[in-house]
Amino acid sequence: MGKYSKYQPTIEIQKKLGERVRSLRLNAGLSQEELAFRSNIHRTYMSEVELGKRNISLKNIEAISKALGISISSLFDFDKTHEKKA
């Protein structure tokens, strides 16, 4: 391990964010393609975000939250990932 290894982010947060985006998208009744369009993000990139394969930029986080009509902080409310829309 290098001297900075303890500061390396884990892939876990990418997976949590991806699950949260997918949950919110489904609750909003949107296809992956529609959310990508509304976010001005390529659909394959959106797929990789939902799969936790992308280290997404702040710009794209903001675009997704706006497209979903939620705050950025709500996007990171991982405790609500599996809640269903009432």
Protein backbone atom coordinates (compact mmCIF):
# COMPACT_ATOMS: atom_id res chain seq x y z
CA MET A 1 0.00 0.00 0.00
CA GLY A 2 1.20 3.46 -0.89
CA LYS A 3 1.19 6.31 1.57
CA TYR A 4 -2.04 7.71 0.05
CA SER A 5 -3.93 4.42 -0.22
CA LYS A 6 -6.11 5.07 2.83
CA TYR A 7 -7.50 8.13 1.03
CA GLN A 8 -8.53 6.27 -2.11
CA PRO A 9 -12.32 6.24 -2.60
CA THR A 10 -13.98 2.88 -2.84
CA ILE A 11 -16.21 1.73 -5.63
CA GLU A 12 -18.95 1.31 -3.00
CA ILE A 13 -20.12 4.92 -3.26
CA GLN A 14 -20.39 4.58 -7.05
CA LYS A 15 -22.61 1.53 -6.61
CA LYS A 16 -24.75 3.25 -3.97
CA LEU A 17 -25.21 6.30 -6.18
CA GLY A 18 -26.06 4.10 -9.16
CA GLU A 19 -28.69 2.21 -7.16
CA ARG A 20 -30.13 5.51 -5.94
CA VAL A 21 -30.33 6.97 -9.46
CA ARG A 22 -32.03 3.81 -10.73
CA SER A 23 -34.52 3.78 -7.84
CA LEU A 24 -35.43 7.44 -8.35
CA ARG A 25 -35.70 6.98 -12.12
CA LEU A 26 -38.05 4.03 -11.76
CA ASN A 27 -40.14 5.85 -9.15
CA ALA A 28 -40.44 8.76 -11.59
CA GLY A 29 -41.63 6.37 -14.31
CA LEU A 30 -38.73 7.23 -16.60
CA SER A 31 -36.77 4.97 -18.90
CA GLN A 32 -33.01 5.09 -18.71
CA GLU A 33 -33.00 6.66 -22.16
CA GLU A 34 -35.46 9.40 -21.12
CA LEU A 35 -33.47 10.28 -17.99
CA ALA A 36 -30.28 10.38 -20.06
CA PHE A 37 -31.96 12.70 -22.58
CA ARG A 38 -33.28 15.02 -19.86
CA SER A 39 -29.84 15.07 -18.23
CA ASN A 40 -28.02 15.63 -21.55
CA ILE A 41 -25.97 12.49 -20.86
CA HIS A 42 -25.43 9.63 -23.31
CA ARG A 43 -27.68 6.66 -22.56
CA THR A 44 -24.78 4.19 -22.30
CA TYR A 45 -23.06 6.49 -19.80
CA MET A 46 -26.30 6.60 -17.78
CA SER A 47 -26.39 2.81 -17.80
CA GLU A 48 -22.83 2.69 -16.47
CA VAL A 49 -23.72 5.23 -13.77
CA GLU A 50 -26.62 3.03 -12.62
CA LEU A 51 -24.35 -0.03 -12.62
CA GLY A 52 -21.81 1.80 -10.44
CA LYS A 53 -19.15 1.65 -13.14
CA ARG A 54 -18.63 5.41 -13.51
CA ASN A 55 -16.95 7.91 -11.23
CA ILE A 56 -19.47 10.59 -12.15
CA SER A 57 -18.60 14.30 -12.21
CA LEU A 58 -20.31 16.98 -10.15
CA LYS A 59 -21.66 18.48 -13.36
CA ASN A 60 -23.41 15.23 -14.25
CA ILE A 61 -24.65 14.75 -10.68
CA GLU A 62 -26.27 18.16 -10.90
CA ALA A 63 -27.77 17.38 -14.33
CA ILE A 64 -29.29 14.11 -13.10
CA SER A 65 -30.72 15.68 -9.94
CA LYS A 66 -32.32 18.48 -11.99
CA ALA A 67 -33.74 15.98 -14.49
CA LEU A 68 -35.27 14.02 -11.59
CA GLY A 69 -36.57 17.23 -9.97
CA ILE A 70 -34.69 16.68 -6.72
CA SER A 71 -31.85 18.32 -4.83
CA ILE A 72 -28.31 17.04 -5.09
CA SER A 73 -28.40 16.12 -1.41
CA SER A 74 -31.49 13.97 -2.03
CA LEU A 75 -29.57 12.08 -4.66
CA PHE A 76 -27.14 11.03 -1.94
CA ASP A 77 -29.82 9.99 0.56
CA PHE A 78 -28.89 6.33 0.22
CA ASP A 79 -31.18 5.25 3.07
CA LYS A 80 -34.16 5.93 0.78
CA THR A 81 -32.87 3.90 -2.19
CA HIS A 82 -35.39 1.12 -1.87
CA GLU A 83 -38.43 3.21 -1.00
CA LYS A 84 -41.38 3.00 -3.37
CA LYS A 85 -43.34 5.97 -4.60
CA ALA A 86 -46.57 6.46 -2.64
